[in-house]
Amino acid sequence: MEFSVPCSFLSIKDSSGPFAAFSGSQLNSRPIARPTVPQPVVPPYRVRTTPLTMADWTPSSWTTKPIKQDVVYEDTKGLKDSLEKLQKLPPLVTTQEINNLKKSLKNVALGKAFVLQGGDCAELFDYCNQDMIEAKVKLLLQMSLVLIWGANKPVIRIARIAGQFAKPRSSPTEIINGVEMPSFRGDNINGFAADAESRKPDPSRLVSAYFHSAATLNYLRASLSSGLADLHSPLDWGLGHVITPSIKEQYSRTVNAVKDALRFMHTVGIDKDRGVETADIYTSHEGLSLEYEQTLTRLMKTPDQTSAFYATSAHFLWIGDRTRQLDGAHIEFFRGIANPIGIKIGPTMAADELVRLLDVVNPDREIGKVTLISRYGAAKIAQFLPGHIAAVQASGHVPVWQCDPMHGNTQATPSGVKTRHFTDILAELKQALEIHRAAGSFLGGMHLELTGEAVTECVGGAAGLTEDGLAERYTTFCDPRLNEKQALELAFLVAGFYRQEEEA
């Protein structure tokens, strides 16, 4: 008998307030001209009449394509120096770790495991500190424990951490106190302070992003190997004081059930060689800044001893809903890397376009290579998800299906503050489970914006946060996040859906 807790083999190996809601026009798409680090010769851009092949691809071939969400650096010499510096620095993650994740995601695509992906909407350099890293990791571990119990499947943990700095914007500029200035694009691009100098894109921030990512990864690895994730003592993780009594009682029952299973494993010797003192957590971020990703893309050995290009900035990268154009720079870059990748899909994605996109980024149809991250909104998921599932099933592709119940449910309060309602988030997740089940498909995971801090950014949940309470601790520099109470409650409720499904 094997108890499916995936807890062996350390694999850590992605005014002046928050962003204004729903403002501005789409950033312009334009071919780019920028200084680049030395790369192999790239064939000239042309209209293709034959299928794309890897012979057409290099880490810099994306520069021949039109790009959305481009960043224009006035300091071209500084950009060149920063990119050359980055290209000399070591990888942040290893190919063994990346390939371990690919194997795990294949099981997810086949319905044998579940993915929990979560973290900040936009990381800040200031988040690179012990308390915030530990709080995030503890929360993901607690949530995964609950989901293992509910879904009766291994849970693959992927954190939005150690690189989730850059953010797409609906407009390149914003009005602050009556003055138009560049929008805040993330700590790796420009500063948040509302002045022209801070908002100017600074290429040295790309190097800072690397070192902040490296420091975060270093502490993440060290803390996990030191017993932070020891499942023999989950009640010592230190979040009890922020959990409401009813959730604490549920959590304690779940923990006791898992501890009983762990004690059984220990008694019969199942855990002797595997260890239960650590857990796999992989890193991820949106691959938005292609200059940065290019410098950390390296030709490395694959498991079959051939070679492939790996993006070594994180284990898992995804393409946003705003940058997934078939002829665009981001798709061109992503089609060439060996990492598992994600693609955000929403109401604007046509079913036939989705299949063409999968054909481009995964021509060999590797099972689980691509994760489709749906973000429709609770009011629209029933309209669009069934057609997308049917088209993908007919195509023969077998991706991981993941639900992002956050982005499609963002709304503004009467005073203009961005928020999300817990009931909408839960409703989209529940509908996703039901739609996949009806289609003979698998919902493989959920993708959440969350924090281990006691913020007040999303309304609802067991604590009953209202719009009037948002100002109490609204600290996000981007989109609203679930706090630790709301995130853990969501895990319990999703686990309950699986339990009900199993008992039906």
Protein backbone atom coordinates (compact mmCIF):
# COMPACT_ATOMS: atom_id res chain seq x y z
CA MET A 1 0.00 0.00 0.00
CA GLU A 2 1.30 3.42 -0.88
CA PHE A 3 0.00 6.67 0.55
CA SER A 4 0.22 9.27 -2.19
CA VAL A 5 2.01 12.13 -0.47
CA PRO A 6 4.61 13.41 -2.95
CA CYS A 7 7.09 14.49 -0.31
CA SER A 8 10.43 13.05 -1.33
CA PHE A 9 13.27 14.32 -3.48
CA LEU A 10 13.95 18.02 -3.00
CA SER A 11 13.10 19.69 -6.28
CA ILE A 12 13.52 23.39 -5.56
CA LYS A 13 16.01 23.25 -7.26
CA ASP A 14 8.52 30.52 -11.75
CA SER A 15 -3.42 58.40 -7.50
CA SER A 16 -0.14 56.37 -6.40
CA GLY A 17 -1.97 53.28 -5.14
CA PRO A 18 -2.34 49.88 -6.77
CA PHE A 19 -2.77 49.48 -10.51
CA ALA A 20 -5.81 51.35 -11.78
CA ALA A 21 -8.68 49.14 -12.87
CA PHE A 22 -9.68 48.65 -16.49
CA SER A 23 -7.97 51.70 -17.99
CA GLY A 24 -6.19 52.52 -21.21
CA SER A 25 -5.86 50.90 -24.60
CA GLN A 26 -3.90 47.83 -25.64
CA LEU A 27 -0.17 48.36 -25.96
CA ASN A 28 0.92 48.75 -29.54
CA SER A 29 2.36 45.81 -31.41
CA ARG A 30 5.49 46.65 -33.32
CA PRO A 31 8.62 44.97 -34.66
CA ILE A 32 11.48 45.57 -32.27
CA ALA A 33 14.97 46.94 -32.72
CA ARG A 34 17.22 46.53 -29.73
CA PRO A 35 20.80 45.68 -28.86
CA THR A 36 21.19 41.92 -28.48
CA VAL A 37 23.77 39.65 -26.97
CA PRO A 38 25.74 37.47 -29.40
CA GLN A 39 23.62 34.66 -30.84
CA PRO A 40 23.66 32.35 -33.85
CA VAL A 41 22.61 33.92 -37.14
CA VAL A 42 18.82 34.14 -37.39
CA PRO A 43 17.10 33.62 -40.76
CA PRO A 44 15.23 36.70 -41.99
CA TYR A 45 11.55 37.02 -41.15
CA ARG A 46 9.30 35.71 -43.88
CA VAL A 47 5.76 34.54 -44.46
CA ARG A 48 5.80 30.80 -43.90
CA THR A 49 4.22 28.34 -46.30
CA THR A 50 5.72 25.27 -44.59
CA PRO A 51 5.48 24.08 -40.98
CA LEU A 52 7.82 25.59 -38.43
CA THR A 53 10.82 23.48 -37.49
CA MET A 54 13.52 23.76 -34.86
CA ALA A 55 15.96 24.49 -37.68
CA ASP A 56 14.22 27.88 -37.94
CA TRP A 57 14.59 28.59 -34.21
CA THR A 58 17.27 30.15 -32.02
CA PRO A 59 16.99 31.81 -28.60
CA SER A 60 16.97 35.15 -30.43
CA SER A 61 14.66 34.34 -33.35
CA TRP A 62 11.81 36.00 -31.45
CA THR A 63 13.43 39.36 -32.30
CA THR A 64 12.28 38.92 -35.92
CA LYS A 65 8.62 38.90 -34.87
CA PRO A 66 6.16 41.61 -33.85
CA ILE A 67 5.93 41.88 -30.08
CA LYS A 68 3.25 42.92 -27.62
CA GLN A 69 4.04 44.48 -24.25
CA ASP A 70 7.46 45.62 -25.47
CA VAL A 71 9.69 47.70 -23.20
CA VAL A 72 11.65 50.55 -24.80
CA TYR A 73 14.95 51.28 -23.06
CA GLU A 74 16.50 54.68 -23.67
CA ASP A 75 19.79 53.44 -22.20
CA THR A 76 20.76 51.07 -25.01
CA LYS A 77 24.34 50.67 -23.76
CA GLY A 78 23.08 49.85 -20.29
CA LEU A 79 20.75 47.25 -21.80
CA LYS A 80 23.58 45.67 -23.77
CA ASP A 81 25.81 45.55 -20.68
CA SER A 82 23.05 44.03 -18.55
CA LEU A 83 22.21 41.33 -21.10
CA GLU A 84 25.87 40.41 -21.52
CA LYS A 85 26.21 40.17 -17.74
CA LEU A 86 23.16 37.91 -17.48
CA GLN A 87 24.40 35.62 -20.21
CA LYS A 88 27.55 34.91 -18.19
CA LEU A 89 25.69 34.05 -14.99
CA PRO A 90 24.83 30.42 -14.10
CA PRO A 91 21.37 28.91 -14.55
CA LEU A 92 18.89 29.45 -11.72
CA VAL A 93 17.43 25.94 -12.03
CA THR A 94 18.74 22.65 -13.39
CA THR A 95 17.56 20.57 -16.32
CA GLN A 96 17.05 17.58 -14.01
CA GLU A 97 14.56 19.59 -11.98
CA ILE A 98 12.80 20.81 -15.15
CA ASN A 99 12.55 17.27 -16.51
CA ASN A 100 11.25 15.97 -13.17
CA LEU A 101 8.45 18.52 -13.41
CA LYS A 102 7.70 17.45 -17.00
CA LYS A 103 7.27 13.86 -15.84
CA SER A 104 4.95 14.95 -13.06
CA LEU A 105 2.86 17.09 -15.40
CA LYS A 106 2.42 14.14 -17.75
CA ASN A 107 0.71 12.34 -14.87
CA VAL A 108 -1.45 15.41 -14.27
CA ALA A 109 -2.54 15.44 -17.93
CA LEU A 110 -3.54 11.79 -17.60
CA GLY A 111 -5.63 12.47 -14.51
CA LYS A 112 -3.22 10.84 -12.05
CA ALA A 113 -2.15 13.97 -10.14
CA PHE A 114 -3.20 17.55 -9.42
CA VAL A 115 -1.31 20.87 -9.75
CA LEU A 116 -1.49 23.63 -7.17
CA GLN A 117 0.10 26.79 -8.57
CA GLY A 118 0.06 30.02 -6.61
CA GLY A 119 1.82 33.13 -5.42
CA ASP A 120 1.89 36.88 -5.85
CA CYS A 121 0.40 38.65 -8.83
CA ALA A 122 3.62 40.64 -9.11
CA GLU A 123 6.64 39.95 -6.92
CA LEU A 124 8.59 42.90 -5.59
CA PHE A 125 12.28 42.88 -4.75
CA ASP A 126 11.21 43.69 -1.18
CA TYR A 127 9.41 40.33 -1.00
CA CYS A 128 12.82 38.63 -0.98
CA ASN A 129 12.90 38.19 2.78
CA GLN A 130 12.67 35.26 5.18
CA ASP A 131 9.21 35.90 6.60
CA MET A 132 7.43 36.40 3.28
CA ILE A 133 9.11 33.43 1.60
CA GLU A 134 8.30 31.13 4.52
CA ALA A 135 4.69 32.34 4.73
CA LYS A 136 4.12 31.62 1.04
CA VAL A 137 5.73 28.19 1.17
CA LYS A 138 3.88 27.17 4.34
CA LEU A 139 0.57 28.17 2.78
CA LEU A 140 1.19 26.18 -0.42
CA LEU A 141 2.23 23.16 1.63
CA GLN A 142 -0.84 23.37 3.83
CA MET A 143 -3.13 23.75 0.83
CA SER A 144 -1.51 20.80 -0.92
CA LEU A 145 -1.97 18.65 2.17
CA VAL A 146 -5.69 19.40 2.12
CA LEU A 147 -5.94 18.69 -1.62
CA ILE A 148 -4.07 15.39 -1.32
CA TRP A 149 -6.62 14.33 1.29
CA GLY A 150 -9.57 15.49 -0.81
CA ALA A 151 -8.57 14.45 -4.33
CA ASN A 152 -6.68 11.32 -3.22
CA LYS A 153 -3.97 12.18 -5.72
CA PRO A 154 -0.39 13.43 -5.52
CA VAL A 155 -0.23 17.23 -5.66
CA ILE A 156 2.43 19.00 -7.73
CA ARG A 157 3.32 22.33 -6.14
CA ILE A 158 4.41 25.21 -8.38
CA ALA A 159 5.01 28.61 -6.83
CA ARG A 160 4.74 31.97 -8.55
CA ILE A 161 8.04 32.97 -6.97
CA ALA A 162 11.71 33.78 -7.67
CA GLY A 163 11.01 35.64 -10.92
CA GLN A 164 7.35 36.76 -11.13
CA PHE A 165 8.32 40.43 -11.46
CA ALA A 166 7.19 41.65 -14.89
CA LYS A 167 3.52 42.41 -15.49
CA PRO A 168 1.60 43.20 -18.70
CA ARG A 169 -0.33 46.45 -18.70
CA SER A 170 -3.41 47.57 -20.60
CA SER A 171 -1.81 50.95 -21.30
CA PRO A 172 1.84 52.07 -21.51
CA THR A 173 1.02 55.19 -19.49
CA GLU A 174 -1.25 56.19 -16.61
CA ILE A 175 -2.44 59.42 -15.01
CA ILE A 176 -1.26 59.98 -11.43
CA ASN A 177 -2.32 63.18 -9.67
CA GLY A 178 -3.08 64.73 -13.05
CA VAL A 179 0.32 63.84 -14.54
CA GLU A 180 0.78 61.28 -17.32
CA MET A 181 3.75 58.99 -16.82
CA PRO A 182 4.86 55.47 -17.80
CA SER A 183 2.90 52.67 -16.15
CA PHE A 184 4.60 50.55 -13.52
CA ARG A 185 5.67 47.39 -15.40
CA GLY A 186 7.15 45.42 -12.51
CA ASP A 187 10.26 45.69 -10.35
CA ASN A 188 12.49 44.19 -13.05
CA ILE A 189 11.52 47.00 -15.45
CA ASN A 190 10.92 50.24 -13.54
CA GLY A 191 10.09 51.65 -10.12
CA PHE A 192 6.67 52.13 -8.54
CA ALA A 193 7.36 55.62 -7.16
CA ALA A 194 5.19 58.17 -8.97
CA ASP A 195 7.92 60.25 -10.60
CA ALA A 196 9.28 60.33 -14.13
CA GLU A 197 12.78 59.14 -13.22
CA SER A 198 11.56 56.10 -11.27
CA ARG A 199 9.13 55.10 -14.00
CA LYS A 200 11.81 55.15 -16.71
CA PRO A 201 12.72 51.56 -17.74
CA ASP A 202 16.08 50.73 -16.16
CA PRO A 203 18.03 47.80 -17.69
CA SER A 204 20.07 47.29 -14.52
CA ARG A 205 16.86 46.03 -12.92
CA LEU A 206 17.09 42.91 -15.11
CA VAL A 207 20.32 41.98 -13.33
CA SER A 208 18.75 42.82 -9.97
CA ALA A 209 15.86 40.51 -10.85
CA TYR A 210 18.32 37.66 -11.39
CA PHE A 211 20.02 38.12 -8.03
CA HIS A 212 16.76 38.54 -6.11
CA SER A 213 15.50 35.35 -7.78
CA ALA A 214 18.73 33.56 -6.86
CA ALA A 215 18.50 34.69 -3.23
CA THR A 216 14.87 33.59 -3.00
CA LEU A 217 15.70 30.20 -4.49
CA ASN A 218 18.65 29.78 -2.16
CA TYR A 219 16.55 30.34 0.94
CA LEU A 220 13.73 28.22 -0.46
CA ARG A 221 16.05 25.28 -0.97
CA ALA A 222 17.69 25.72 2.41
CA SER A 223 14.44 26.03 4.35
CA LEU A 224 12.88 22.98 2.70
CA SER A 225 15.96 20.85 3.29
CA SER A 226 15.94 22.00 6.93
CA GLY A 227 12.50 20.57 7.67
CA LEU A 228 10.08 23.40 6.86
CA ALA A 229 7.99 20.89 4.90
CA ASP A 230 8.22 18.01 7.39
CA LEU A 231 4.81 16.37 7.13
CA HIS A 232 5.31 14.59 10.45
CA SER A 233 4.68 17.92 12.21
CA PRO A 234 2.38 20.09 10.04
CA LEU A 235 0.73 21.69 13.06
CA ASP A 236 4.04 23.38 13.84
CA TRP A 237 3.96 25.43 10.65
CA GLY A 238 2.85 28.49 12.59
CA LEU A 239 -0.34 29.61 10.79
CA GLY A 240 -2.79 28.50 13.45
CA HIS A 241 -3.27 31.96 14.88
CA VAL A 242 -4.67 33.33 11.61
CA ILE A 243 -7.12 30.53 10.81
CA THR A 244 -10.76 30.82 11.85
CA PRO A 245 -11.91 28.19 14.39
CA SER A 246 -14.08 26.23 11.95
CA ILE A 247 -11.31 25.98 9.36
CA LYS A 248 -8.76 25.17 12.07
CA GLU A 249 -10.93 22.26 13.19
CA GLN A 250 -11.27 20.94 9.63
CA TYR A 251 -7.56 21.36 9.02
CA SER A 252 -6.69 19.55 12.26
CA ARG A 253 -8.90 16.59 11.27
CA THR A 254 -7.21 16.43 7.88
CA VAL A 255 -3.75 16.66 9.42
CA ASN A 256 -4.59 13.91 11.89
CA ALA A 257 -5.75 11.67 9.04
CA VAL A 258 -2.53 12.31 7.13
CA LYS A 259 -0.40 11.79 10.25
CA ASP A 260 -2.12 8.44 10.78
CA ALA A 261 -1.16 7.47 7.23
CA LEU A 262 2.41 8.70 7.74
CA ARG A 263 2.70 6.73 10.97
CA PHE A 264 1.53 3.63 9.12
CA MET A 265 4.12 4.25 6.40
CA HIS A 266 6.81 4.62 9.03
CA THR A 267 5.72 1.50 10.91
CA VAL A 268 5.90 -0.73 7.84
CA GLY A 269 9.06 0.97 6.55
CA ILE A 270 7.62 2.55 3.41
CA ASP A 271 9.16 5.95 4.14
CA LYS A 272 12.62 4.75 5.18
CA ASP A 273 14.31 5.50 1.86
CA ARG A 274 12.00 8.20 0.55
CA GLY A 275 11.86 10.61 3.47
CA VAL A 276 8.92 12.76 4.46
CA GLU A 277 10.82 15.75 5.74
CA THR A 278 10.73 17.75 2.53
CA ALA A 279 8.53 18.38 -0.50
CA ASP A 280 8.84 19.23 -4.15
CA ILE A 281 8.15 22.86 -4.96
CA TYR A 282 8.90 24.22 -8.42
CA THR A 283 9.24 27.84 -9.52
CA SER A 284 7.34 29.67 -12.24
CA HIS A 285 6.64 33.07 -13.74
CA GLU A 286 5.15 34.68 -16.81
CA GLY A 287 7.80 34.75 -19.54
CA LEU A 288 7.08 38.35 -20.45
CA SER A 289 10.55 39.92 -20.65
CA LEU A 290 12.06 38.03 -23.56
CA GLU A 291 15.40 39.86 -23.35
CA TYR A 292 15.82 38.40 -19.86
CA GLU A 293 14.59 34.92 -20.80
CA GLN A 294 16.87 34.77 -23.85
CA THR A 295 20.03 35.34 -21.81
CA LEU A 296 19.16 32.48 -19.46
CA THR A 297 18.20 30.04 -22.23
CA ARG A 298 20.97 27.49 -22.55
CA LEU A 299 21.72 24.48 -24.77
CA MET A 300 21.89 21.55 -22.33
CA LYS A 301 21.69 17.78 -22.18
CA THR A 302 18.29 16.07 -22.19
CA PRO A 303 17.48 12.78 -20.41
CA ASP A 304 18.16 10.84 -23.63
CA GLN A 305 21.60 12.51 -23.88
CA THR A 306 20.72 14.68 -26.84
CA SER A 307 20.64 18.47 -26.46
CA ALA A 308 17.85 21.00 -26.20
CA PHE A 309 17.39 24.63 -25.22
CA TYR A 310 16.12 25.12 -21.67
CA ALA A 311 14.93 28.38 -20.15
CA THR A 312 16.79 28.23 -16.85
CA SER A 313 15.17 31.25 -15.17
CA ALA A 314 12.46 28.94 -13.74
CA HIS A 315 11.13 25.42 -14.02
CA PHE A 316 7.87 26.52 -15.65
CA LEU A 317 7.05 29.60 -17.75
CA TRP A 318 3.70 30.70 -19.10
CA ILE A 319 2.44 33.00 -21.86
CA GLY A 320 -0.16 35.57 -20.91
CA ASP A 321 -3.51 36.07 -22.62
CA ARG A 322 -2.24 39.37 -24.06
CA THR A 323 0.91 37.94 -25.69
CA ARG A 324 -0.20 34.63 -27.26
CA GLN A 325 -0.45 35.82 -30.89
CA LEU A 326 0.40 33.01 -33.31
CA ASP A 327 2.78 35.21 -35.31
CA GLY A 328 4.16 37.01 -32.26
CA ALA A 329 7.49 37.09 -30.48
CA HIS A 330 6.36 35.26 -27.36
CA ILE A 331 5.00 32.21 -29.18
CA GLU A 332 8.17 32.15 -31.27
CA PHE A 333 10.34 32.05 -28.14
CA PHE A 334 8.21 29.52 -26.28
CA ARG A 335 8.02 27.03 -29.14
CA GLY A 336 11.75 26.42 -28.90
CA ILE A 337 12.29 25.74 -25.20
CA ALA A 338 12.20 22.28 -23.65
CA ASN A 339 10.54 23.40 -20.41
CA PRO A 340 6.93 22.60 -19.65
CA ILE A 341 4.98 25.75 -20.52
CA GLY A 342 1.61 27.31 -19.82
CA ILE A 343 -0.74 29.32 -22.03
CA LYS A 344 -3.47 31.54 -20.59
CA ILE A 345 -6.74 31.21 -22.53
CA GLY A 346 -9.87 33.28 -22.15
CA PRO A 347 -13.10 34.26 -23.91
CA THR A 348 -11.21 35.85 -26.83
CA MET A 349 -9.55 32.56 -27.79
CA ALA A 350 -11.22 30.86 -30.76
CA ALA A 351 -11.29 27.06 -30.61
CA ASP A 352 -9.48 26.60 -33.93
CA GLU A 353 -6.86 29.16 -32.90
CA LEU A 354 -6.23 27.19 -29.71
CA VAL A 355 -5.52 24.03 -31.69
CA ARG A 356 -3.18 25.88 -34.07
CA LEU A 357 -1.37 27.31 -31.06
CA LEU A 358 -0.87 23.85 -29.60
CA ASP A 359 0.42 22.60 -32.96
CA VAL A 360 3.05 25.37 -32.97
CA VAL A 361 4.34 25.10 -29.39
CA ASN A 362 4.01 21.31 -29.11
CA PRO A 363 4.36 19.78 -32.60
CA ASP A 364 5.52 16.44 -31.15
CA ARG A 365 2.41 16.30 -28.95
CA GLU A 366 4.22 15.55 -25.72
CA ILE A 367 1.63 14.67 -23.11
CA GLY A 368 1.57 17.36 -20.43
CA LYS A 369 4.15 19.57 -22.15
CA VAL A 370 1.57 22.38 -22.33
CA THR A 371 -0.68 23.54 -19.52
CA LEU A 372 -3.80 25.37 -20.68
CA ILE A 373 -4.68 27.90 -17.98
CA SER A 374 -8.31 28.90 -18.47
CA ARG A 375 -9.41 32.32 -17.20
CA TYR A 376 -12.96 33.01 -18.35
CA GLY A 377 -14.78 34.29 -15.27
CA ALA A 378 -17.61 32.58 -13.40
CA ALA A 379 -20.22 34.14 -15.71
CA LYS A 380 -18.52 32.99 -18.94
CA ILE A 381 -16.84 29.64 -18.27
CA ALA A 382 -19.90 27.60 -19.26
CA GLN A 383 -20.02 29.43 -22.59
CA PHE A 384 -16.40 28.88 -23.64
CA LEU A 385 -14.75 25.97 -21.81
CA PRO A 386 -16.81 23.12 -23.36
CA GLY A 387 -15.91 24.21 -26.90
CA HIS A 388 -12.24 24.54 -26.05
CA ILE A 389 -12.16 21.09 -24.46
CA ALA A 390 -13.92 19.53 -27.47
CA ALA A 391 -11.53 21.14 -29.97
CA VAL A 392 -8.45 20.00 -28.06
CA GLN A 393 -9.79 16.47 -27.63
CA ALA A 394 -10.50 16.25 -31.37
CA SER A 395 -6.97 17.45 -32.16
CA GLY A 396 -5.27 14.63 -30.27
CA HIS A 397 -3.32 16.94 -27.96
CA VAL A 398 -3.26 15.95 -24.28
CA PRO A 399 -2.49 19.07 -22.23
CA VAL A 400 -2.84 19.79 -18.55
CA TRP A 401 -6.07 21.72 -17.96
CA GLN A 402 -5.75 24.25 -15.16
CA CYS A 403 -8.32 26.75 -13.91
CA ASP A 404 -7.30 30.32 -13.09
CA PRO A 405 -10.42 31.58 -11.28
CA MET A 406 -8.85 34.94 -10.47
CA HIS A 407 -8.38 37.04 -13.60
CA GLY A 408 -11.82 36.60 -15.13
CA ASN A 409 -13.46 37.67 -11.89
CA THR A 410 -11.71 40.98 -11.26
CA GLN A 411 -14.01 43.94 -10.70
CA ALA A 412 -13.82 47.45 -9.33
CA THR A 413 -15.61 48.84 -6.29
CA PRO A 414 -17.57 52.11 -6.68
CA SER A 415 -14.46 53.93 -5.44
CA GLY A 416 -12.31 52.28 -8.14
CA VAL A 417 -10.43 49.69 -6.05
CA LYS A 418 -9.78 46.39 -7.81
CA THR A 419 -11.07 43.33 -5.96
CA ARG A 420 -12.35 39.80 -6.46
CA HIS A 421 -15.23 38.03 -4.76
CA PHE A 422 -14.50 34.70 -3.07
CA THR A 423 -17.88 33.33 -4.21
CA ASP A 424 -17.01 34.04 -7.88
CA ILE A 425 -13.61 32.37 -7.52
CA LEU A 426 -15.18 29.29 -5.96
CA ALA A 427 -18.01 29.24 -8.53
CA GLU A 428 -15.60 29.19 -11.47
CA LEU A 429 -13.58 26.36 -9.95
CA LYS A 430 -16.70 24.30 -9.26
CA GLN A 431 -18.00 24.83 -12.80
CA ALA A 432 -14.62 23.86 -14.23
CA LEU A 433 -14.69 20.56 -12.34
CA GLU A 434 -18.22 19.82 -13.52
CA ILE A 435 -17.58 20.77 -17.17
CA HIS A 436 -14.43 18.65 -17.39
CA ARG A 437 -16.19 15.68 -15.80
CA ALA A 438 -19.09 15.96 -18.25
CA ALA A 439 -16.66 16.12 -21.20
CA GLY A 440 -14.64 13.10 -20.08
CA SER A 441 -11.70 15.38 -19.38
CA PHE A 442 -9.61 16.11 -16.27
CA LEU A 443 -9.30 19.39 -14.45
CA GLY A 444 -5.64 19.06 -13.57
CA GLY A 445 -5.15 21.98 -11.24
CA MET A 446 -5.79 25.51 -10.10
CA HIS A 447 -3.72 28.65 -10.60
CA LEU A 448 -4.17 31.24 -7.86
CA GLU A 449 -2.89 34.67 -6.92
CA LEU A 450 -2.37 34.43 -3.18
CA THR A 451 -0.13 35.46 -0.33
CA GLY A 452 0.74 34.07 3.06
CA GLU A 453 0.08 37.51 4.55
CA ALA A 454 -3.12 38.71 6.25
CA VAL A 455 -4.02 41.13 3.45
CA THR A 456 -7.51 42.48 2.70
CA GLU A 457 -7.79 42.47 -1.10
CA CYS A 458 -10.47 39.90 -2.04
CA VAL A 459 -13.91 40.15 -0.43
CA GLY A 460 -15.82 37.24 1.09
CA GLY A 461 -14.72 33.98 2.63
CA ALA A 462 -15.31 32.69 6.16
CA ALA A 463 -13.93 35.88 7.70
CA GLY A 464 -16.66 37.88 5.93
CA LEU A 465 -14.43 40.61 4.50
CA THR A 466 -16.52 43.34 2.84
CA GLU A 467 -15.63 46.11 0.42
CA ASP A 468 -15.58 48.52 3.35
CA GLY A 469 -12.73 46.50 4.87
CA LEU A 470 -10.49 46.45 1.80
CA ALA A 471 -8.53 49.52 2.87
CA GLU A 472 -7.40 47.86 6.11
CA ARG A 473 -4.46 46.04 4.50
CA TYR A 474 -4.63 46.44 0.73
CA THR A 475 -0.94 46.11 -0.14
CA THR A 476 -0.81 44.61 -3.63
CA PHE A 477 1.07 46.53 -6.31
CA CYS A 478 -0.95 44.73 -8.97
CA ASP A 479 -4.07 42.54 -8.76
CA PRO A 480 -5.90 41.50 -5.56
CA ARG A 481 -4.73 38.27 -3.90
CA LEU A 482 -6.36 35.72 -1.64
CA ASN A 483 -5.06 36.00 1.90
CA GLU A 484 -3.95 32.93 3.86
CA LYS A 485 -7.40 32.33 5.40
CA GLN A 486 -9.21 32.58 2.07
CA ALA A 487 -6.67 30.42 0.23
CA LEU A 488 -6.79 27.62 2.78
CA GLU A 489 -10.59 27.79 2.88
CA LEU A 490 -10.63 27.47 -0.92
CA ALA A 491 -8.44 24.37 -0.70
CA PHE A 492 -10.86 22.79 1.79
CA LEU A 493 -13.85 23.55 -0.42
CA VAL A 494 -12.20 22.19 -3.59
CA ALA A 495 -11.14 19.09 -1.66
CA GLY A 496 -14.77 18.76 -0.60
CA PHE A 497 -15.90 18.85 -4.25
CA TYR A 498 -13.57 15.94 -5.01
CA ARG A 499 -14.81 14.00 -1.98
CA GLN A 500 -18.42 14.50 -3.06
CA GLU A 501 -17.54 13.42 -6.60
CA GLU A 502 -15.87 10.26 -5.29
CA GLU A 503 -18.85 9.40 -3.12
CA ALA A 504 -21.44 10.11 -5.84
